[in-house]
Amino acid sequence: MDDRLAALERRIDRLERQAGSPPANPPQAPPGASALDLARHFRERATEDGTAGTVAYQGAVHVSGLEYAWAGQHEVDDLMAADWAHAAAVLEALGSPHRLALLGGLVGGTRTSAELQETLGGETSTGQLYHHLRELQGAGLITQRKRGAYEMRPQAVIPLLAILAAAVDLRPGDPVAGMSPDLGPGGPGAVVSGPEKP
């Protein structure tokens, strides 16, 4: 609780400082910058501003004739002060291999209940299928456009794939292709500084 209160106080302090000074253009990564360049930019900005940093994700996807583009960016102080209840509901909805399979099928466009049942290999009952679909709808990931036809919410596609990419990167053991090159001391994905090991 103390950590969340401290994060909220830092956020209020930052907002008050911004309100008391003329709006300035925040430093931005150069056009065409890579994800690594953006990470370096965020690290430099956090060092200069004395903030906890920034977390961002983005993507552009072309699949089955559909195109999705999305970018999200959050200040760490804001994330730490946020209410995580909805995030927990989304992560809980994603915590099922069957639901992930359904979402994988829906990224390519609208699917009928019968097509989604086939996505699950026919191993689940109709009741189980509808249970999974209700959970995904409740989390705000999918919609039902008409009776028996479902689709991903377009604004959920890139965040879903970013969550999956992060989960793949967290897998212990074999290295993942496409990992970011070294950001500096510590190597890719390493903790550069932190509490000492006992």
Protein backbone atom coordinates (compact mmCIF):
# COMPACT_ATOMS: atom_id res chain seq x y z
CA MET A 1 0.00 0.00 0.00
CA ASP A 2 2.86 2.36 0.84
CA ASP A 3 4.44 1.73 -2.58
CA ARG A 4 1.20 2.56 -4.37
CA LEU A 5 0.75 5.72 -2.28
CA ALA A 6 4.32 6.81 -3.04
CA ALA A 7 3.75 6.17 -6.78
CA LEU A 8 0.56 8.23 -6.64
CA GLU A 9 2.38 11.08 -4.87
CA ARG A 10 5.11 11.03 -7.56
CA ARG A 11 2.43 11.13 -10.26
CA ILE A 12 0.67 14.11 -8.63
CA ASP A 13 4.03 15.89 -8.23
CA ARG A 14 4.82 15.32 -11.92
CA LEU A 15 1.38 16.60 -12.99
CA GLU A 16 1.72 19.69 -10.79
CA ARG A 17 5.14 20.44 -12.28
CA GLN A 18 3.72 20.06 -15.79
CA ALA A 19 0.77 22.33 -14.95
CA GLY A 20 3.09 25.02 -13.55
CA SER A 21 5.29 25.24 -16.62
CA PRO A 22 4.54 25.89 -20.28
CA PRO A 23 3.94 22.69 -22.23
CA ALA A 24 7.17 21.35 -23.61
CA ASN A 25 7.63 18.83 -26.34
CA PRO A 26 8.78 15.64 -24.67
CA PRO A 27 11.91 14.17 -26.19
CA GLN A 28 10.98 11.57 -28.77
CA ALA A 29 12.85 8.81 -30.48
CA PRO A 30 13.78 9.68 -34.07
CA PRO A 31 11.40 8.62 -36.85
CA GLY A 32 12.05 5.08 -37.99
CA ALA A 33 13.64 4.17 -34.65
CA SER A 34 13.77 0.50 -33.70
CA ALA A 35 12.24 -0.93 -30.53
CA LEU A 36 15.77 -0.96 -29.10
CA ASP A 37 16.20 2.75 -29.88
CA LEU A 38 12.89 3.45 -28.16
CA ALA A 39 13.97 1.48 -25.08
CA ARG A 40 17.20 3.49 -24.93
CA HIS A 41 15.18 6.69 -25.28
CA PHE A 42 12.89 5.67 -22.40
CA ARG A 43 15.91 4.85 -20.23
CA GLU A 44 17.52 8.24 -20.95
CA ARG A 45 14.24 10.08 -20.31
CA ALA A 46 13.70 8.27 -16.99
CA THR A 47 17.25 9.16 -15.93
CA GLU A 48 16.77 12.83 -16.87
CA ASP A 49 13.28 13.16 -15.34
CA GLY A 50 13.94 11.04 -12.27
CA THR A 51 10.87 8.92 -13.00
CA ALA A 52 10.42 5.17 -12.69
CA GLY A 53 10.38 4.85 -16.48
CA THR A 54 8.06 3.96 -19.33
CA VAL A 55 6.63 0.74 -20.71
CA ALA A 56 5.42 0.63 -24.31
CA TYR A 57 4.22 -1.88 -26.89
CA GLN A 58 3.24 -1.56 -30.50
CA GLY A 59 2.57 -3.56 -33.59
CA ALA A 60 1.14 -3.74 -37.08
CA VAL A 61 -0.46 -7.02 -38.16
CA HIS A 62 -1.81 -8.14 -41.53
CA VAL A 63 -3.69 -11.44 -41.34
CA SER A 64 -6.45 -12.93 -43.51
CA GLY A 65 -6.99 -9.61 -45.29
CA LEU A 66 -7.38 -7.72 -42.01
CA GLU A 67 -5.01 -5.02 -40.82
CA TYR A 68 -4.44 -3.99 -37.22
CA ALA A 69 -2.14 -1.27 -35.89
CA TRP A 70 -1.83 -0.19 -32.28
CA ALA A 71 0.62 1.44 -29.90
CA GLY A 72 0.37 1.74 -26.15
CA GLN A 73 2.59 3.60 -23.72
CA HIS A 74 2.34 3.90 -19.94
CA GLU A 75 4.44 5.63 -17.33
CA VAL A 76 5.55 3.12 -14.69
CA ASP A 77 4.42 5.42 -11.87
CA ASP A 78 0.92 5.50 -13.40
CA LEU A 79 0.84 1.72 -13.84
CA MET A 80 1.90 1.13 -10.26
CA ALA A 81 -0.80 3.49 -8.97
CA ALA A 82 -3.55 2.02 -11.19
CA ASP A 83 -6.28 -0.36 -10.07
CA TRP A 84 -5.19 -3.75 -11.44
CA ALA A 85 -8.56 -5.51 -10.98
CA HIS A 86 -9.48 -5.37 -14.69
CA ALA A 87 -5.96 -6.46 -15.66
CA ALA A 88 -6.36 -9.49 -13.38
CA ALA A 89 -9.66 -10.36 -15.08
CA VAL A 90 -8.05 -10.16 -18.53
CA LEU A 91 -5.05 -12.25 -17.48
CA GLU A 92 -7.36 -14.80 -15.87
CA ALA A 93 -9.36 -15.04 -19.11
CA LEU A 94 -6.11 -15.63 -21.01
CA GLY A 95 -4.99 -18.33 -18.58
CA SER A 96 -6.59 -21.17 -20.52
CA PRO A 97 -5.09 -22.98 -23.53
CA HIS A 98 -8.62 -23.37 -24.93
CA ARG A 99 -9.31 -19.63 -24.72
CA LEU A 100 -5.96 -18.81 -26.30
CA ALA A 101 -6.79 -21.22 -29.14
CA LEU A 102 -10.14 -19.47 -29.62
CA LEU A 103 -8.45 -16.06 -29.71
CA GLY A 104 -5.90 -17.38 -32.20
CA GLY A 105 -8.78 -18.42 -34.44
CA LEU A 106 -10.50 -15.05 -34.06
CA VAL A 107 -7.45 -12.94 -34.94
CA GLY A 108 -8.11 -13.96 -38.55
CA GLY A 109 -11.67 -12.59 -38.54
CA THR A 110 -15.22 -13.49 -37.60
CA ARG A 111 -15.85 -17.17 -36.84
CA THR A 112 -19.03 -19.09 -36.21
CA SER A 113 -19.58 -21.24 -33.14
CA ALA A 114 -19.10 -24.34 -35.30
CA GLU A 115 -15.76 -23.06 -36.64
CA LEU A 116 -14.63 -22.22 -33.13
CA GLN A 117 -15.63 -25.69 -31.94
CA GLU A 118 -13.36 -27.09 -34.68
CA THR A 119 -10.56 -24.79 -33.47
CA LEU A 120 -10.69 -26.68 -30.20
CA GLY A 121 -10.44 -29.97 -32.06
CA GLY A 122 -13.93 -31.05 -31.07
CA GLU A 123 -12.55 -32.03 -27.66
CA THR A 124 -14.84 -29.71 -25.72
CA SER A 125 -18.59 -29.74 -25.36
CA THR A 126 -20.80 -26.97 -26.68
CA GLY A 127 -21.40 -25.89 -23.10
CA GLN A 128 -17.66 -25.60 -22.46
CA LEU A 129 -17.21 -23.65 -25.71
CA TYR A 130 -19.85 -21.10 -24.67
CA HIS A 131 -18.34 -20.88 -21.18
CA HIS A 132 -14.96 -19.94 -22.72
CA LEU A 133 -16.60 -17.45 -25.09
CA ARG A 134 -18.47 -15.78 -22.20
CA GLU A 135 -15.21 -15.44 -20.26
CA LEU A 136 -13.51 -13.81 -23.26
CA GLN A 137 -16.47 -11.48 -23.77
CA GLY A 138 -16.50 -10.56 -20.09
CA ALA A 139 -12.82 -9.61 -20.32
CA GLY A 140 -13.60 -7.33 -23.29
CA LEU A 141 -11.51 -9.31 -25.76
CA ILE A 142 -14.22 -10.50 -28.16
CA THR A 143 -17.68 -9.46 -29.31
CA GLN A 144 -20.65 -11.31 -30.72
CA ARG A 145 -21.80 -9.44 -33.84
CA LYS A 146 -24.74 -11.74 -34.51
CA ARG A 147 -26.08 -14.95 -33.11
CA GLY A 148 -23.40 -17.63 -33.25
CA ALA A 149 -20.70 -15.39 -34.80
CA TYR A 150 -17.79 -13.97 -32.82
CA GLU A 151 -14.85 -11.69 -33.53
CA MET A 152 -11.92 -10.10 -31.72
CA ARG A 153 -12.34 -6.49 -30.69
CA PRO A 154 -9.94 -4.76 -33.13
CA GLN A 155 -8.31 -2.76 -30.32
CA ALA A 156 -7.54 -6.02 -28.47
CA VAL A 157 -5.48 -7.71 -31.21
CA ILE A 158 -2.09 -5.98 -30.76
CA PRO A 159 -2.29 -5.91 -26.93
CA LEU A 160 -3.12 -9.64 -26.96
CA LEU A 161 -0.17 -10.42 -29.23
CA ALA A 162 2.09 -8.20 -27.06
CA ILE A 163 1.02 -10.16 -23.96
CA LEU A 164 1.72 -13.44 -25.78
CA ALA A 165 5.12 -12.15 -26.97
CA ALA A 166 6.01 -11.17 -23.39
CA ALA A 167 4.89 -14.57 -22.11
CA VAL A 168 7.06 -16.30 -24.73
CA ASP A 169 10.00 -14.11 -23.69
CA LEU A 170 9.48 -15.14 -20.06
CA ARG A 171 9.79 -18.83 -20.91
CA PRO A 172 12.80 -20.24 -19.09
CA GLY A 173 15.40 -22.14 -21.03
CA ASP A 174 15.88 -21.84 -24.75
CA PRO A 175 16.47 -18.33 -26.11
CA VAL A 176 13.69 -16.76 -28.11
CA ALA A 177 14.33 -15.60 -31.66
CA GLY A 178 13.86 -11.87 -32.08
CA MET A 179 14.92 -10.87 -28.57
CA SER A 180 16.23 -7.35 -28.28
CA PRO A 181 19.97 -6.92 -28.59
CA ASP A 182 21.98 -5.68 -25.64
CA LEU A 183 20.73 -2.44 -24.08
CA GLY A 184 23.94 -2.00 -22.16
CA PRO A 185 25.38 -3.63 -19.04
CA GLY A 186 23.63 -6.84 -18.14
CA GLY A 187 22.57 -8.11 -21.56
CA PRO A 188 19.11 -8.34 -23.12
CA GLY A 189 16.32 -8.59 -20.62
CA ALA A 190 18.75 -8.60 -17.69
CA VAL A 191 18.31 -6.67 -14.48
CA VAL A 192 21.04 -4.02 -14.64
CA SER A 193 20.87 -3.29 -10.91
CA GLY A 194 18.78 -4.49 -8.04
CA PRO A 195 18.90 -6.10 -4.63
CA GLU A 196 21.92 -8.28 -4.03
CA LYS A 197 21.39 -12.01 -3.94
CA PRO A 198 21.65 -13.58 -0.48
